[in-house]
Structure formats: C-alpha cells, structure tokens
C-alpha cells in the first residue's frame, strides 16, 4: 500500500469584512460618544434647564408689560420652506400673564394687527416664535414686538436685531457682501 500524504487544503484568506469587522464595530461604539455632549446640551435646553434659550437677549418694555426674550440657538437663520427663519423665545412678567392675549414678532414695523408677524406660542413662561428673516434685511433693522391685551389694547416696541441676535447680524452682513 502506498501512503499518500494528503495535505489539508490551505485556509482561505479572510475577506475584507472579516479583517475589518472588529475595527468597524469599535468605530460604531466610539462615534456616538463624540455626540453625547451636544445631545445632553440639547436635552437641557429643551427641558428649560438652561433658561429661555442659549442666549438671553434681554427685557423689552412693550406698553405696560415687560417681556423677557432669548435667542433659542446661537446660530444664523436656518433654511425653511418659508425662507430663512430664526427662532426666539419669550417669557411674560409675573404680573402681566393674565393681561396679555397674544404677542407677535416680525422684521420691520407692521402695517396693522393683521400683519403683526409670527405669533408666540407656548406657555407664558416660555413661548416660541419662528420669524422669517428676509435676506435683503439691513443689519441695523429692527424686530417689532406687538402685544395685544385682553382689553383690546395693542402696544408695539422696536427691538434692534443686533441686540436680539448678533449671529443674525453677521449673517445679514455676509448676505449684503454677496449681493
């Protein structure tokens, strides 16, 4: 009898996936860790633990009422189907919560109450308004706040965009330079 040595077939080379699956799985664990700080910051902002917004913009006296405003996020206006928009938040003073019916915000002075702008919605402690920002707005323009009382009174006050949102002013300056 002859003894023939049978060699075991050579093990196939591991495929690309087999070689790199460990590294890819480690990457899938590490990448979310990079986003954890911004996640917790957004969570604190949404829960109100950071106040009205990322940047308090100050108090504005509208008629007899004192309203506190903040920029929701410190960033230039975002693109929206309605154009470029910016979100602001507002809190009413403790004594005027039962007196104010609605508060509106818009770029430029409104012609009438029908064109008062974006209405603030939410609780009197933190209400939101998303305001369209026309690209041809001058950087020194004003946002106009219109407050309507339950007694039918209407009060208006200008609010400089530079005070409301410096990031929007920078964006408007870039828009002006690109025209």
N, C-alpha and C. Protein backbone atom coordinates (compact mmCIF):
# COMPACT_ATOMS: atom_id res chain seq x y z
N UNK A 1 0.80 -1.15 0.00
CA UNK A 1 0.00 0.00 0.00
C UNK A 1 0.86 1.23 0.00
N UNK A 2 0.35 2.09 -0.69
CA UNK A 2 1.12 3.33 -0.75
C UNK A 2 0.48 4.37 0.14
N UNK A 3 1.35 4.98 0.76
CA UNK A 3 0.85 6.04 1.62
C UNK A 3 0.99 7.35 0.87
N UNK A 4 -0.11 7.93 0.68
CA UNK A 4 -0.07 9.25 0.03
C UNK A 4 -0.38 10.29 1.10
N UNK A 5 0.40 11.23 1.09
CA UNK A 5 0.19 12.30 2.07
C UNK A 5 -0.86 13.25 1.50
N UNK A 6 -1.88 13.33 2.21
CA UNK A 6 -2.90 14.28 1.77
C UNK A 6 -2.72 15.57 2.58
N UNK A 7 -2.53 16.56 1.87
CA UNK A 7 -2.38 17.87 2.52
C UNK A 7 -3.74 18.50 2.70
N UNK A 8 -3.92 19.06 3.82
CA UNK A 8 -5.17 19.77 4.06
C UNK A 8 -5.17 21.01 3.17
N UNK A 9 -6.33 21.30 2.65
CA UNK A 9 -6.37 22.49 1.80
C UNK A 9 -5.99 23.74 2.62
N UNK A 10 -5.34 24.64 1.98
CA UNK A 10 -4.90 25.87 2.65
C UNK A 10 -6.13 26.67 3.07
N UNK A 11 -6.02 27.26 4.24
CA UNK A 11 -7.14 28.05 4.74
C UNK A 11 -7.30 29.29 3.84
N UNK A 12 -8.53 29.58 3.48
CA UNK A 12 -8.71 30.75 2.63
C UNK A 12 -8.37 32.03 3.40
N UNK A 13 -7.91 33.00 2.65
CA UNK A 13 -7.59 34.28 3.27
C UNK A 13 -8.88 34.92 3.77
N UNK A 14 -8.83 35.52 4.94
CA UNK A 14 -10.04 36.16 5.43
C UNK A 14 -10.45 37.31 4.50
N UNK A 15 -11.72 37.45 4.35
CA UNK A 15 -12.21 38.51 3.45
C UNK A 15 -12.02 39.88 4.11
N UNK A 16 -12.25 40.88 3.32
CA UNK A 16 -12.11 42.26 3.81
C UNK A 16 -12.99 42.47 5.03
N UNK A 17 -14.22 42.01 4.96
CA UNK A 17 -15.17 42.21 6.07
C UNK A 17 -14.68 41.52 7.33
N UNK A 18 -14.17 40.31 7.19
CA UNK A 18 -13.71 39.58 8.36
C UNK A 18 -12.51 40.27 9.02
N UNK A 19 -11.66 40.85 8.20
CA UNK A 19 -10.48 41.51 8.76
C UNK A 19 -10.84 42.81 9.48
N UNK A 20 -11.79 43.51 8.97
CA UNK A 20 -12.07 44.85 9.48
C UNK A 20 -13.32 44.93 10.37
N UNK A 21 -14.00 43.83 10.60
CA UNK A 21 -15.23 43.93 11.38
C UNK A 21 -14.96 44.36 12.81
N UNK A 22 -13.85 43.97 13.38
CA UNK A 22 -13.52 44.42 14.73
C UNK A 22 -13.34 45.93 14.76
N UNK A 23 -12.61 46.45 13.80
CA UNK A 23 -12.35 47.89 13.76
C UNK A 23 -13.63 48.67 13.50
N UNK A 24 -14.49 48.16 12.65
CA UNK A 24 -15.74 48.84 12.38
C UNK A 24 -16.68 48.82 13.57
N UNK A 25 -16.68 47.71 14.30
CA UNK A 25 -17.54 47.66 15.48
C UNK A 25 -17.03 48.61 16.56
N UNK A 26 -15.73 48.74 16.68
CA UNK A 26 -15.17 49.71 17.64
C UNK A 26 -15.53 51.14 17.22
N UNK A 27 -15.50 51.39 15.93
CA UNK A 27 -15.86 52.72 15.42
C UNK A 27 -17.33 53.02 15.70
N UNK A 28 -18.18 52.01 15.57
CA UNK A 28 -19.60 52.21 15.86
C UNK A 28 -19.84 52.51 17.34
N UNK A 29 -18.96 52.10 18.20
CA UNK A 29 -19.09 52.42 19.61
C UNK A 29 -18.50 53.79 19.95
N UNK A 30 -17.47 54.19 19.24
CA UNK A 30 -16.77 55.44 19.55
C UNK A 30 -17.49 56.66 18.97
N UNK A 31 -18.01 56.57 17.78
CA UNK A 31 -18.63 57.72 17.11
C UNK A 31 -19.78 58.31 17.92
N UNK A 32 -20.70 57.53 18.47
CA UNK A 32 -21.77 58.15 19.27
C UNK A 32 -21.25 58.90 20.50
N UNK A 33 -20.13 58.48 21.05
CA UNK A 33 -19.58 59.15 22.22
C UNK A 33 -19.20 60.59 21.89
N UNK A 34 -18.82 60.85 20.65
CA UNK A 34 -18.45 62.20 20.23
C UNK A 34 -19.67 63.12 20.30
N UNK A 35 -20.86 62.60 20.04
CA UNK A 35 -22.07 63.41 20.00
C UNK A 35 -22.80 63.50 21.35
N UNK A 36 -22.34 62.81 22.36
CA UNK A 36 -23.01 62.81 23.66
C UNK A 36 -23.07 64.20 24.29
N UNK A 37 -22.00 65.00 24.31
CA UNK A 37 -22.11 66.33 24.93
C UNK A 37 -23.17 67.21 24.27
N UNK A 38 -23.24 67.24 22.95
CA UNK A 38 -24.26 68.07 22.29
C UNK A 38 -25.66 67.51 22.55
N UNK A 39 -25.79 66.21 22.69
CA UNK A 39 -27.08 65.61 23.00
C UNK A 39 -27.58 66.10 24.36
N UNK A 40 -26.71 66.05 25.36
CA UNK A 40 -27.11 66.49 26.70
C UNK A 40 -27.35 68.00 26.74
N UNK A 41 -26.61 68.76 25.96
CA UNK A 41 -26.86 70.20 25.90
C UNK A 41 -28.23 70.49 25.29
N UNK A 42 -28.57 69.82 24.21
CA UNK A 42 -29.90 69.98 23.60
C UNK A 42 -31.00 69.52 24.54
N UNK A 43 -30.76 68.46 25.27
CA UNK A 43 -31.73 67.96 26.23
C UNK A 43 -31.97 68.98 27.36
N UNK A 44 -30.91 69.56 27.87
CA UNK A 44 -31.04 70.57 28.92
C UNK A 44 -31.75 71.81 28.39
N UNK A 45 -31.46 72.19 27.15
CA UNK A 45 -32.12 73.35 26.55
C UNK A 45 -33.61 73.09 26.38
N UNK A 46 -33.97 71.90 25.93
CA UNK A 46 -35.38 71.57 25.72
C UNK A 46 -36.15 71.47 27.04
N UNK A 47 -35.51 71.02 28.07
CA UNK A 47 -36.18 70.89 29.38
C UNK A 47 -36.26 72.20 30.14
N UNK A 48 -35.57 73.23 29.64
CA UNK A 48 -35.60 74.52 30.31
C UNK A 48 -34.56 74.68 31.39
N UNK A 49 -33.62 73.76 31.47
CA UNK A 49 -32.58 73.85 32.49
C UNK A 49 -31.56 74.93 32.16
N UNK A 50 -31.55 75.41 30.92
CA UNK A 50 -30.62 76.46 30.52
C UNK A 50 -31.34 77.81 30.38
N UNK A 51 -32.51 77.93 30.94
CA UNK A 51 -33.26 79.18 30.85
C UNK A 51 -34.13 79.20 29.60
N UNK A 52 -34.36 80.40 29.08
CA UNK A 52 -35.22 80.55 27.91
C UNK A 52 -34.58 80.01 26.64
N UNK A 53 -33.30 80.17 26.50
CA UNK A 53 -32.61 79.74 25.29
C UNK A 53 -31.11 79.76 25.52
N UNK A 54 -30.37 79.58 24.43
CA UNK A 54 -28.92 79.55 24.57
C UNK A 54 -28.36 80.92 24.92
N UNK A 55 -29.01 81.98 24.44
CA UNK A 55 -28.50 83.33 24.69
C UNK A 55 -29.63 84.26 25.13
N UNK A 56 -29.65 84.66 26.40
CA UNK A 56 -30.65 85.64 26.82
C UNK A 56 -30.43 86.96 26.09
N UNK A 57 -31.49 87.51 25.53
CA UNK A 57 -31.37 88.74 24.74
C UNK A 57 -31.88 89.96 25.48
N UNK A 58 -32.38 89.80 26.68
CA UNK A 58 -32.76 90.94 27.49
C UNK A 58 -34.26 91.13 27.60
N UNK A 59 -34.61 92.18 28.35
CA UNK A 59 -36.01 92.53 28.58
C UNK A 59 -36.40 93.69 27.68
N UNK A 60 -37.65 93.66 27.22
CA UNK A 60 -38.19 94.73 26.38
C UNK A 60 -39.50 95.17 26.99
N UNK A 61 -39.67 96.46 27.14
CA UNK A 61 -40.90 97.02 27.67
C UNK A 61 -41.84 97.30 26.49
N UNK A 62 -42.94 96.58 26.44
CA UNK A 62 -43.94 96.73 25.38
C UNK A 62 -45.21 97.25 26.05
N UNK A 63 -45.44 98.55 25.90
CA UNK A 63 -46.56 99.17 26.61
C UNK A 63 -46.32 99.04 28.10
N UNK A 64 -47.30 98.58 28.86
CA UNK A 64 -47.13 98.43 30.31
C UNK A 64 -46.49 97.11 30.71
N UNK A 65 -46.18 96.26 29.74
CA UNK A 65 -45.70 94.92 30.04
C UNK A 65 -44.21 94.76 29.77
N UNK A 66 -43.56 94.04 30.64
CA UNK A 66 -42.14 93.74 30.49
C UNK A 66 -42.00 92.29 30.02
N UNK A 67 -41.42 92.09 28.85
CA UNK A 67 -41.26 90.75 28.27
C UNK A 67 -39.78 90.41 28.21
N UNK A 68 -39.46 89.19 28.56
CA UNK A 68 -38.07 88.72 28.55
C UNK A 68 -37.88 87.86 27.31
N UNK A 69 -36.84 88.15 26.53
CA UNK A 69 -36.59 87.44 25.28
C UNK A 69 -35.25 86.72 25.32
N UNK A 70 -35.14 85.69 24.49
CA UNK A 70 -33.89 84.95 24.34
C UNK A 70 -33.82 84.39 22.93
N UNK A 71 -32.61 84.18 22.50
CA UNK A 71 -32.35 83.52 21.21
C UNK A 71 -32.32 82.02 21.50
N UNK A 72 -33.16 81.24 20.83
CA UNK A 72 -33.26 79.82 21.13
C UNK A 72 -31.92 79.13 20.91
N UNK A 73 -31.32 79.33 19.73
CA UNK A 73 -30.00 78.78 19.45
C UNK A 73 -29.15 79.88 18.84
N UNK A 74 -27.90 79.96 19.27
CA UNK A 74 -26.98 80.98 18.77
C UNK A 74 -26.40 80.46 17.45
N UNK A 75 -27.10 80.81 16.38
CA UNK A 75 -26.68 80.40 15.03
C UNK A 75 -27.38 81.31 14.03
N UNK A 76 -26.87 81.35 12.81
CA UNK A 76 -27.54 82.17 11.80
C UNK A 76 -28.91 81.58 11.45
N UNK A 77 -29.75 82.33 10.76
CA UNK A 77 -31.06 81.80 10.38
C UNK A 77 -30.94 80.50 9.59
N UNK A 78 -31.92 79.63 9.79
CA UNK A 78 -31.95 78.33 9.11
C UNK A 78 -32.87 78.38 7.90
N UNK A 79 -32.59 77.53 6.95
CA UNK A 79 -33.44 77.43 5.76
C UNK A 79 -34.72 76.67 6.09
N UNK A 80 -35.81 77.15 5.53
CA UNK A 80 -37.13 76.60 5.78
C UNK A 80 -37.92 76.76 4.49
N UNK A 81 -38.99 76.01 4.28
CA UNK A 81 -39.80 76.25 3.07
C UNK A 81 -40.30 77.69 2.96
N UNK A 82 -40.43 78.38 4.08
CA UNK A 82 -40.88 79.78 4.06
C UNK A 82 -39.73 80.75 3.81
N UNK A 83 -38.51 80.26 3.71
CA UNK A 83 -37.33 81.10 3.54
C UNK A 83 -36.39 80.88 4.71
N UNK A 84 -35.60 81.89 5.03
CA UNK A 84 -34.69 81.79 6.16
C UNK A 84 -35.43 82.23 7.42
N UNK A 85 -35.34 81.42 8.49
CA UNK A 85 -36.10 81.70 9.71
C UNK A 85 -35.18 81.64 10.93
N UNK A 86 -35.58 82.35 11.96
CA UNK A 86 -34.87 82.38 13.24
C UNK A 86 -35.88 82.19 14.35
N UNK A 87 -35.55 81.40 15.37
CA UNK A 87 -36.46 81.11 16.47
C UNK A 87 -36.04 81.89 17.71
N UNK A 88 -37.02 82.55 18.31
CA UNK A 88 -36.84 83.29 19.55
C UNK A 88 -37.80 82.75 20.59
N UNK A 89 -37.44 82.95 21.86
CA UNK A 89 -38.32 82.57 22.96
C UNK A 89 -38.64 83.81 23.78
N UNK A 90 -39.77 83.74 24.50
CA UNK A 90 -40.22 84.88 25.29
C UNK A 90 -40.88 84.38 26.56
N UNK A 91 -40.70 85.14 27.64
CA UNK A 91 -41.40 84.89 28.89
C UNK A 91 -42.07 86.18 29.32
N UNK A 92 -43.29 86.07 29.77
CA UNK A 92 -44.04 87.24 30.23
C UNK A 92 -43.73 87.50 31.69
N UNK A 93 -43.87 88.75 32.09
CA UNK A 93 -43.65 89.09 33.50
C UNK A 93 -44.74 88.43 34.36
N UNK A 94 -44.44 88.25 35.62
CA UNK A 94 -45.37 87.53 36.51
C UNK A 94 -46.71 88.24 36.65
N UNK A 95 -46.74 89.56 36.67
CA UNK A 95 -47.98 90.28 36.86
C UNK A 95 -48.80 90.49 35.60
N UNK A 96 -48.21 90.23 34.44
CA UNK A 96 -48.93 90.53 33.20
C UNK A 96 -49.42 89.28 32.47
N UNK A 97 -49.26 88.13 33.05
CA UNK A 97 -49.65 86.90 32.36
C UNK A 97 -51.15 86.83 32.10
N UNK A 98 -51.96 87.41 32.96
CA UNK A 98 -53.41 87.38 32.77
C UNK A 98 -53.91 88.53 31.91
N UNK A 99 -53.02 89.46 31.57
CA UNK A 99 -53.42 90.64 30.80
C UNK A 99 -53.12 90.52 29.31
N UNK A 100 -52.15 89.69 28.94
CA UNK A 100 -51.70 89.60 27.54
C UNK A 100 -52.45 88.50 26.82
N UNK A 101 -53.01 88.85 25.69
CA UNK A 101 -53.73 87.88 24.86
C UNK A 101 -52.78 87.21 23.87
N UNK A 102 -51.97 88.01 23.17
CA UNK A 102 -51.05 87.47 22.17
C UNK A 102 -49.86 88.40 22.01
N UNK A 103 -48.72 87.81 21.62
CA UNK A 103 -47.51 88.58 21.33
C UNK A 103 -47.01 88.12 19.96
N UNK A 104 -46.67 89.09 19.12
CA UNK A 104 -46.21 88.82 17.76
C UNK A 104 -44.81 89.40 17.57
N UNK A 105 -44.07 88.87 16.60
CA UNK A 105 -42.72 89.35 16.29
C UNK A 105 -42.52 89.30 14.79
N UNK A 106 -41.97 90.38 14.23
CA UNK A 106 -41.66 90.41 12.80
C UNK A 106 -40.54 91.39 12.52
N UNK A 107 -39.93 91.24 11.35
CA UNK A 107 -38.90 92.17 10.90
C UNK A 107 -39.61 93.35 10.25
N UNK A 108 -39.33 94.55 10.71
CA UNK A 108 -39.97 95.74 10.17
C UNK A 108 -41.28 96.03 10.88
N UNK A 109 -41.66 97.30 10.85
CA UNK A 109 -42.87 97.72 11.55
C UNK A 109 -44.11 97.18 10.83
N UNK A 110 -45.02 96.55 11.59
CA UNK A 110 -46.24 96.02 10.97
C UNK A 110 -47.19 97.15 10.57
N UNK A 111 -47.89 96.92 9.46
CA UNK A 111 -48.86 97.91 8.97
C UNK A 111 -50.13 97.88 9.81
N UNK A 112 -50.51 96.71 10.28
CA UNK A 112 -51.73 96.56 11.09
C UNK A 112 -51.59 95.31 11.95
N UNK A 113 -52.59 95.07 12.77
CA UNK A 113 -52.57 93.88 13.62
C UNK A 113 -52.68 92.60 12.79
N UNK A 114 -53.27 92.70 11.61
CA UNK A 114 -53.37 91.53 10.73
C UNK A 114 -52.01 91.12 10.18
N UNK A 115 -51.09 92.08 10.09
CA UNK A 115 -49.74 91.81 9.58
C UNK A 115 -48.72 91.91 10.70
N UNK A 116 -49.11 91.49 11.90
CA UNK A 116 -48.25 91.67 13.08
C UNK A 116 -47.04 90.74 13.07
N UNK A 117 -47.07 89.67 12.31
CA UNK A 117 -45.92 88.78 12.23
C UNK A 117 -46.19 87.41 12.83
N UNK A 118 -45.13 86.78 13.28
CA UNK A 118 -45.21 85.43 13.84
C UNK A 118 -45.69 85.52 15.28
N UNK A 119 -46.65 84.67 15.61
CA UNK A 119 -47.22 84.69 16.96
C UNK A 119 -46.39 83.77 17.86
N UNK A 120 -46.23 84.19 19.10
CA UNK A 120 -45.56 83.36 20.09
C UNK A 120 -46.55 82.32 20.60
N UNK A 121 -46.14 81.08 20.64
CA UNK A 121 -46.99 80.00 21.13
C UNK A 121 -46.27 79.28 22.26
N UNK A 122 -47.05 78.75 23.18
CA UNK A 122 -46.49 78.04 24.32
C UNK A 122 -47.04 78.63 25.60
N UNK A 123 -46.39 78.33 26.70
CA UNK A 123 -46.85 78.84 27.99
C UNK A 123 -46.35 80.26 28.19
N UNK A 124 -46.94 81.00 29.13
CA UNK A 124 -46.43 82.35 29.41
C UNK A 124 -45.00 82.35 29.95
N UNK A 125 -44.56 81.20 30.44
CA UNK A 125 -43.21 81.10 31.00
C UNK A 125 -42.15 80.88 29.93
N UNK A 126 -42.54 80.25 28.81
CA UNK A 126 -41.62 80.08 27.68
C UNK A 126 -42.45 79.84 26.43
N UNK A 127 -42.49 80.86 25.59
CA UNK A 127 -43.23 80.77 24.33
C UNK A 127 -42.23 80.93 23.19
N UNK A 128 -42.54 80.31 22.04
CA UNK A 128 -41.65 80.31 20.88
C UNK A 128 -42.28 81.05 19.71
N UNK A 129 -41.43 81.66 18.90
CA UNK A 129 -41.86 82.25 17.64
C UNK A 129 -40.74 82.04 16.62
N UNK A 130 -41.11 81.59 15.45
CA UNK A 130 -40.16 81.42 14.36
C UNK A 130 -40.40 82.54 13.36
N UNK A 131 -39.45 83.42 13.23
CA UNK A 131 -39.60 84.64 12.45
C UNK A 131 -38.87 84.51 11.12
N UNK A 132 -39.57 84.77 9.99
CA UNK A 132 -38.88 84.81 8.70
C UNK A 132 -37.94 86.01 8.64
N UNK A 133 -36.71 85.78 8.21
CA UNK A 133 -35.72 86.84 8.06
C UNK A 133 -35.46 87.02 6.57
N UNK A 134 -35.97 88.10 5.96
CA UNK A 134 -35.71 88.32 4.54
C UNK A 134 -34.21 88.54 4.30
N UNK A 135 -33.66 87.98 3.24
CA UNK A 135 -32.22 88.11 3.00
C UNK A 135 -31.78 89.55 2.73
N UNK A 136 -32.68 90.41 2.29
CA UNK A 136 -32.31 91.80 1.99
C UNK A 136 -32.53 92.74 3.18
N UNK A 137 -32.70 92.17 4.35
CA UNK A 137 -32.87 92.98 5.56
C UNK A 137 -31.54 93.67 5.89
N UNK A 138 -31.62 94.94 6.26
CA UNK A 138 -30.42 95.67 6.66
C UNK A 138 -29.96 95.18 8.03
N UNK A 139 -28.65 95.11 8.27
CA UNK A 139 -28.17 94.65 9.58
C UNK A 139 -28.59 95.55 10.74
N UNK A 140 -28.92 96.81 10.46
CA UNK A 140 -29.35 97.71 11.54
C UNK A 140 -30.87 97.81 11.66
N UNK A 141 -31.59 96.87 11.06
CA UNK A 141 -33.06 96.87 11.10
C UNK A 141 -33.55 96.47 12.49
N UNK A 142 -34.84 96.65 12.68
CA UNK A 142 -35.46 96.33 13.96
C UNK A 142 -36.46 95.19 13.81
N UNK A 143 -36.54 94.38 14.85
CA UNK A 143 -37.64 93.45 15.00
C UNK A 143 -38.72 94.23 15.75
N UNK A 144 -39.96 94.05 15.37
CA UNK A 144 -41.05 94.75 16.04
C UNK A 144 -41.87 93.77 16.84
N UNK A 145 -42.08 94.10 18.10
CA UNK A 145 -42.87 93.28 19.01
C UNK A 145 -44.23 93.94 19.13
N UNK A 146 -45.27 93.17 18.88
CA UNK A 146 -46.64 93.65 19.02
C UNK A 146 -47.31 92.81 20.09
N UNK A 147 -47.81 93.47 21.12
CA UNK A 147 -48.51 92.78 22.21
C UNK A 147 -49.95 93.24 22.24
N UNK A 148 -50.85 92.27 22.27
CA UNK A 148 -52.28 92.55 22.30
C UNK A 148 -52.83 92.11 23.65
N UNK A 149 -53.55 93.02 24.30
CA UNK A 149 -54.11 92.72 25.61
C UNK A 149 -55.53 92.19 25.50
N UNK A 150 -56.00 91.57 26.59
CA UNK A 150 -57.37 91.07 26.62
C UNK A 150 -58.39 92.20 26.60
N UNK A 151 -57.97 93.39 26.98
CA UNK A 151 -58.87 94.55 26.95
C UNK A 151 -58.94 95.21 25.59
N UNK A 152 -58.24 94.66 24.59
CA UNK A 152 -58.26 95.19 23.23
C UNK A 152 -57.13 96.16 22.93
N UNK A 153 -56.33 96.48 23.91
CA UNK A 153 -55.21 97.40 23.67
C UNK A 153 -54.10 96.71 22.89
N UNK A 154 -53.45 97.49 22.04
CA UNK A 154 -52.33 96.98 21.23
C UNK A 154 -51.13 97.88 21.48
N UNK A 155 -50.01 97.27 21.81
CA UNK A 155 -48.78 98.01 22.09
C UNK A 155 -47.68 97.44 21.21
N UNK A 156 -46.81 98.34 20.72
CA UNK A 156 -45.70 97.92 19.87
C UNK A 156 -44.41 98.51 20.40
N UNK A 157 -43.31 97.78 20.14
CA UNK A 157 -41.99 98.26 20.54
C UNK A 157 -40.96 97.72 19.56
N UNK A 158 -39.99 98.55 19.17
CA UNK A 158 -38.90 98.06 18.32
C UNK A 158 -37.85 97.35 19.16
N UNK A 159 -37.18 96.40 18.54
CA UNK A 159 -36.12 95.64 19.19
C UNK A 159 -35.02 95.47 18.16
N UNK A 160 -33.86 96.10 18.31
CA UNK A 160 -32.80 96.00 17.30
C UNK A 160 -32.34 94.56 17.10
N UNK A 161 -32.14 94.20 15.84
CA UNK A 161 -31.67 92.83 15.53
C UNK A 161 -30.31 92.59 16.16
N UNK A 162 -29.48 93.64 16.24
CA UNK A 162 -28.15 93.49 16.85
C UNK A 162 -28.26 93.06 18.32
N UNK A 163 -29.27 93.52 19.02
CA UNK A 163 -29.49 93.12 20.41
C UNK A 163 -30.12 91.73 20.47
N UNK A 164 -31.04 91.47 19.55
CA UNK A 164 -31.77 90.20 19.56
C UNK A 164 -30.89 89.03 19.18
N UNK A 165 -30.09 89.20 18.11
CA UNK A 165 -29.30 88.08 17.61
C UNK A 165 -28.07 88.57 16.84
N UNK A 166 -26.92 88.65 17.50
CA UNK A 166 -25.70 89.05 16.80
C UNK A 166 -25.32 88.09 15.67
N UNK A 167 -25.66 86.81 15.81
CA UNK A 167 -25.36 85.84 14.75
C UNK A 167 -26.17 86.17 13.49
N UNK A 168 -27.39 86.65 13.65
CA UNK A 168 -28.21 87.04 12.50
C UNK A 168 -27.64 88.28 11.83
N UNK A 169 -27.11 89.22 12.62
CA UNK A 169 -26.50 90.42 12.05
C UNK A 169 -25.29 90.03 11.20
N UNK A 170 -24.47 89.13 11.70
CA UNK A 170 -23.31 88.67 10.92
C UNK A 170 -23.76 87.99 9.63
N UNK A 171 -24.81 87.20 9.70
CA UNK A 171 -25.34 86.55 8.51
C UNK A 171 -25.85 87.59 7.51
N UNK A 172 -26.54 88.61 8.02
CA UNK A 172 -27.06 89.67 7.14
C UNK A 172 -25.92 90.44 6.49
N UNK A 173 -24.85 90.69 7.21
CA UNK A 173 -23.68 91.37 6.63
C UNK A 173 -23.07 90.53 5.52
N UNK A 174 -23.00 89.22 5.71
CA UNK A 174 -22.48 88.34 4.65
C UNK A 174 -23.41 88.35 3.45
N UNK A 175 -24.71 88.39 3.70
CA UNK A 175 -25.67 88.45 2.60
C UNK A 175 -25.50 89.74 1.81
N UNK A 176 -25.25 90.85 2.52
CA UNK A 176 -25.05 92.12 1.86
C UNK A 176 -23.78 92.15 1.05
N UNK A 177 -22.73 91.48 1.55
CA UNK A 177 -21.46 91.43 0.82
C UNK A 177 -21.55 90.56 -0.42
N UNK A 178 -22.42 89.57 -0.40
CA UNK A 178 -22.53 88.65 -1.55
C UNK A 178 -23.48 89.15 -2.62
N UNK A 179 -24.22 90.24 -2.33
CA UNK A 179 -25.16 90.77 -3.33
C UNK A 179 -24.45 91.46 -4.44
